[in-house]
Amino acid sequence: RDKIDRERQLAVDEALHITKAVASALHYAHEHGIVHRDIKPENILLHDGQPVVADFGIALAVSAAGGGRMTETGLSLGTPHYMSPEQATADRDLTARSDVYSLACVLYEMLSGDPPHTGPTAQAILMRILTEDPRPVTDIRRSVPAHVRAV
């Protein structure tokens, strides 16, 4: 978070490096039945330039038998700016795709300087997540390559 606050927009290569490292860490967690549920800049720490995913405090542990939950059923937990649509609606069956969506939101912010959906309240942000497509990152920062925009 500090790096984004300081630099506002990260270099494309650096943003992609961070995203790839976090995606790799999430892949490992997902293979072990864990959905993080709160991927956001504050939970991505840089240690000697290497991204580390932190705070699995509200993680969802998925049992091989089909779903023991560590969090309360029907409760929407996470940080609104980075929530997936299914998380915003308190979907009971969040999957790894929810973390991937959240990571894409972080990438968007690293490239554009702002999260893809903003608003004056958590409810307004969640409504925008559910009803609006974000502005294409290339409209904000033309130097972002088209293949990165597609993410």
Foldseek 3Di string as FASTA:
>chain_A
DVVCVVVLADDLVLLVQQLVLVVVVLVVCQVQQKAQLADAPVQWDADVNHTDGDDSPLIFHQDPVGGDGPDDQQDQDYDLLQFALCSLRRPRDDHNVRVVSSSLQRSLRNHQSDGQFDDDDSVRSSVCNVPHGGDQSCVRPVPNDPVSSVD
